[in-house]
Protein backbone atom coordinates (compact mmCIF):
# COMPACT_ATOMS: atom_id res chain seq x y z
CA MET A 1 14.23 -25.96 4.88
CA ALA A 2 15.75 -28.40 7.32
CA HIS A 3 13.23 -30.12 9.52
CA HIS A 4 13.22 -28.68 13.04
CA PRO A 5 12.09 -30.83 15.95
CA GLY A 6 8.69 -29.64 17.11
CA ILE A 7 7.76 -28.28 13.67
CA ASP A 8 5.45 -30.67 11.82
CA GLU A 9 5.09 -31.01 8.01
CA GLN A 10 2.05 -28.73 7.87
CA GLN A 11 3.93 -26.02 9.76
CA GLN A 12 6.90 -26.49 7.38
CA GLN A 13 4.53 -25.89 4.42
CA ALA A 14 3.06 -22.79 6.07
CA LEU A 15 6.56 -21.44 6.70
CA ARG A 16 7.62 -22.11 3.07
CA SER A 17 4.47 -20.38 1.77
CA TRP A 18 5.07 -17.44 4.06
CA LEU A 19 8.65 -17.03 2.90
CA LYS A 20 7.69 -17.30 -0.76
CA LEU A 21 4.88 -14.71 -0.32
CA LEU A 22 7.19 -12.33 1.60
CA GLY A 23 9.93 -12.78 -1.01
CA SER A 24 7.59 -12.20 -3.94
CA SER A 25 5.99 -9.18 -2.26
CA ASN A 26 9.40 -7.69 -1.51
CA ALA A 27 10.63 -8.22 -5.07
CA ILE A 28 7.50 -6.64 -6.59
CA ARG A 29 7.69 -3.69 -4.21
CA LYS A 30 11.43 -3.14 -5.00
CA ALA A 31 10.76 -3.19 -8.73
CA LEU A 32 7.80 -0.77 -8.48
CA THR A 33 9.72 1.50 -6.14
CA ALA A 34 12.70 1.66 -8.58
CA ARG A 35 10.44 2.44 -11.52
CA MET A 36 8.41 5.10 -9.58
CA GLN A 37 11.63 6.73 -8.35
CA ALA A 38 13.24 6.71 -11.79
CA ALA A 39 10.15 8.01 -13.62
CA HIS A 40 8.78 10.53 -11.09
CA GLY A 41 11.30 10.89 -8.29
CA VAL A 42 8.61 9.65 -5.86
CA SER A 43 8.81 6.87 -3.33
CA LEU A 44 6.16 4.15 -3.25
CA SER A 45 5.11 5.47 0.22
CA ARG A 46 4.40 8.86 -1.25
CA PHE A 47 2.55 7.26 -4.12
CA ASP A 48 0.46 5.28 -1.69
CA ILE A 49 -0.55 8.46 0.18
CA LEU A 50 -1.44 10.15 -3.05
CA ALA A 51 -3.46 7.13 -4.18
CA ASN A 52 -5.44 7.09 -0.90
CA LEU A 53 -6.12 10.81 -1.07
CA TYR A 54 -7.17 10.48 -4.72
CA ARG A 55 -9.88 7.96 -3.69
CA ALA A 56 -10.93 9.99 -0.68
CA PRO A 57 -14.05 12.12 -0.69
CA ARG A 58 -13.52 15.64 -2.10
CA GLY A 59 -13.56 17.17 1.35
CA GLY A 60 -10.46 15.18 2.28
CA VAL A 61 -9.80 12.44 4.77
CA ARG A 62 -8.77 12.60 8.41
CA LEU A 63 -5.11 11.91 8.94
CA SER A 64 -5.94 9.20 11.51
CA GLU A 65 -8.16 7.47 8.96
CA LEU A 66 -5.39 7.73 6.34
CA SER A 67 -2.91 6.10 8.66
CA LYS A 68 -5.44 3.26 9.29
CA GLN A 69 -5.91 2.84 5.48
CA LEU A 70 -2.17 2.70 4.97
CA MET A 71 -1.58 0.51 8.10
CA VAL A 72 1.13 2.86 9.33
CA SER A 73 1.45 5.19 12.29
CA ASN A 74 0.12 8.76 12.35
CA GLY A 75 3.71 9.95 12.61
CA ASN A 76 4.69 8.05 9.54
CA VAL A 77 1.86 9.61 7.52
CA THR A 78 2.86 13.14 8.76
CA GLN A 79 6.52 12.47 7.86
CA VAL A 80 5.76 11.21 4.37
CA MET A 81 3.13 13.91 3.69
CA ALA A 82 5.32 16.89 4.76
CA PRO A 83 7.26 17.10 1.49
CA LEU A 84 4.07 16.51 -0.52
CA MET A 85 2.49 19.56 1.25
CA LYS A 86 5.69 21.62 0.70
CA GLU A 87 5.53 20.70 -3.03
CA GLY A 88 1.93 21.85 -3.22
CA LEU A 89 0.54 18.39 -3.99
CA VAL A 90 -1.38 17.84 -0.73
CA GLU A 91 -3.36 20.32 1.38
CA ARG A 92 -3.93 19.92 5.09
CA LYS A 93 -6.66 21.78 6.89
CA PRO A 94 -8.63 21.62 10.16
CA CYS A 95 -11.40 19.01 10.27
CA PRO A 96 -14.73 20.81 10.00
CA ASP A 97 -16.44 18.71 12.68
CA ASP A 98 -13.53 18.22 15.11
CA ALA A 99 -11.11 21.06 15.80
CA ARG A 100 -8.57 18.54 17.27
CA ALA A 101 -8.27 16.67 13.95
CA ALA A 102 -6.93 17.56 10.58
CA VAL A 103 -7.89 16.43 7.09
CA ALA A 104 -5.77 16.09 3.97
CA GLN A 105 -6.73 16.31 0.35
CA LEU A 106 -5.01 16.45 -2.97
CA SER A 107 -4.49 19.85 -4.53
CA ASN A 108 -5.31 20.24 -8.24
CA ALA A 109 -1.57 19.82 -9.00
CA GLY A 110 -1.52 16.70 -6.85
CA ARG A 111 -4.51 15.20 -8.57
CA THR A 112 -2.97 15.86 -12.02
CA MET A 113 0.41 14.41 -10.98
CA PHE A 114 -1.21 11.35 -9.41
CA GLU A 115 -3.29 10.60 -12.52
CA ALA A 116 -0.13 10.58 -14.68
CA MET A 117 1.75 8.33 -12.16
CA ALA A 118 -1.18 5.97 -11.70
CA ALA A 119 -1.42 5.22 -15.43
CA GLU A 120 2.25 4.25 -15.49
CA HIS A 121 1.98 2.31 -12.26
CA ALA A 122 -0.88 0.28 -13.67
CA THR A 123 1.22 -0.56 -16.69
CA TRP A 124 4.17 -1.61 -14.53
CA VAL A 125 1.96 -3.80 -12.32
CA ASP A 126 0.49 -5.45 -15.43
CA ASP A 127 4.06 -6.04 -16.72
CA ILE A 128 4.85 -7.92 -13.48
CA PHE A 129 1.60 -9.91 -13.31
CA GLY A 130 1.21 -10.30 -17.06
CA MET A 131 2.14 -13.93 -17.10
CA LEU A 132 -0.91 -14.81 -14.93
CA SER A 133 -4.14 -15.91 -16.54
CA ASP A 134 -7.54 -14.57 -15.46
CA LYS A 135 -7.94 -17.87 -13.57
CA ASP A 136 -4.54 -17.38 -11.87
CA HIS A 137 -5.58 -13.93 -10.78
CA ARG A 138 -8.89 -15.15 -9.35
CA THR A 139 -7.10 -18.01 -7.53
CA LEU A 140 -4.42 -15.72 -6.12
CA GLN A 141 -6.94 -13.10 -5.03
CA GLY A 142 -9.05 -15.78 -3.38
CA ILE A 143 -6.04 -17.16 -1.48
CA LEU A 144 -4.97 -13.70 -0.38
CA ASP A 145 -8.54 -12.98 0.78
CA LYS A 146 -8.48 -16.08 2.94
CA LEU A 147 -5.06 -15.14 4.38
CA GLY A 148 -6.25 -11.61 5.11
CA THR A 149 -9.36 -12.79 6.79
CA ALA A 150 -7.50 -15.40 8.89
CA ALA A 151 -4.43 -13.30 9.93
CA PRO A 152 -6.24 -10.84 12.31
CA THR A 153 -8.16 -13.60 14.04
CA ALA A 154 -5.24 -16.07 14.30
CA SER A 155 -4.60 -17.38 17.76
CA THR A 156 -1.65 -15.85 19.65
CA GLU A 157 -1.29 -18.75 22.02
């Protein structure tokens, strides 16, 4: 990276780290997306929704909470969920304690399908991260924890 006036060495290092993290994340997501699509005809976005619903309480999760968990808009969740509901994998019903809200939960078919996909997904992730030692994993997770903690509180000056 060419040195830009006004960007010091520490900022250069931060930019390099950011670009490497972004590139690695994109490459991993692309590989997992391709495998998920080839094996199950499902996008990673759909898989993410199924995974969150699988971990949700049996009564389901509010759609607004689901969008917060996935860090996407309510509209995005609705758009990705629509085909899952049509296929009978996800059920949507009124929230029992708030008539204005809706909750979603996996159907029995959705639960069965997700469990099969999740087992393969875990294998694929292990294939990608397999060259890392236990110490590497702990180090990487520690670094990502620090970044995740710092990012929301970073100054916007």
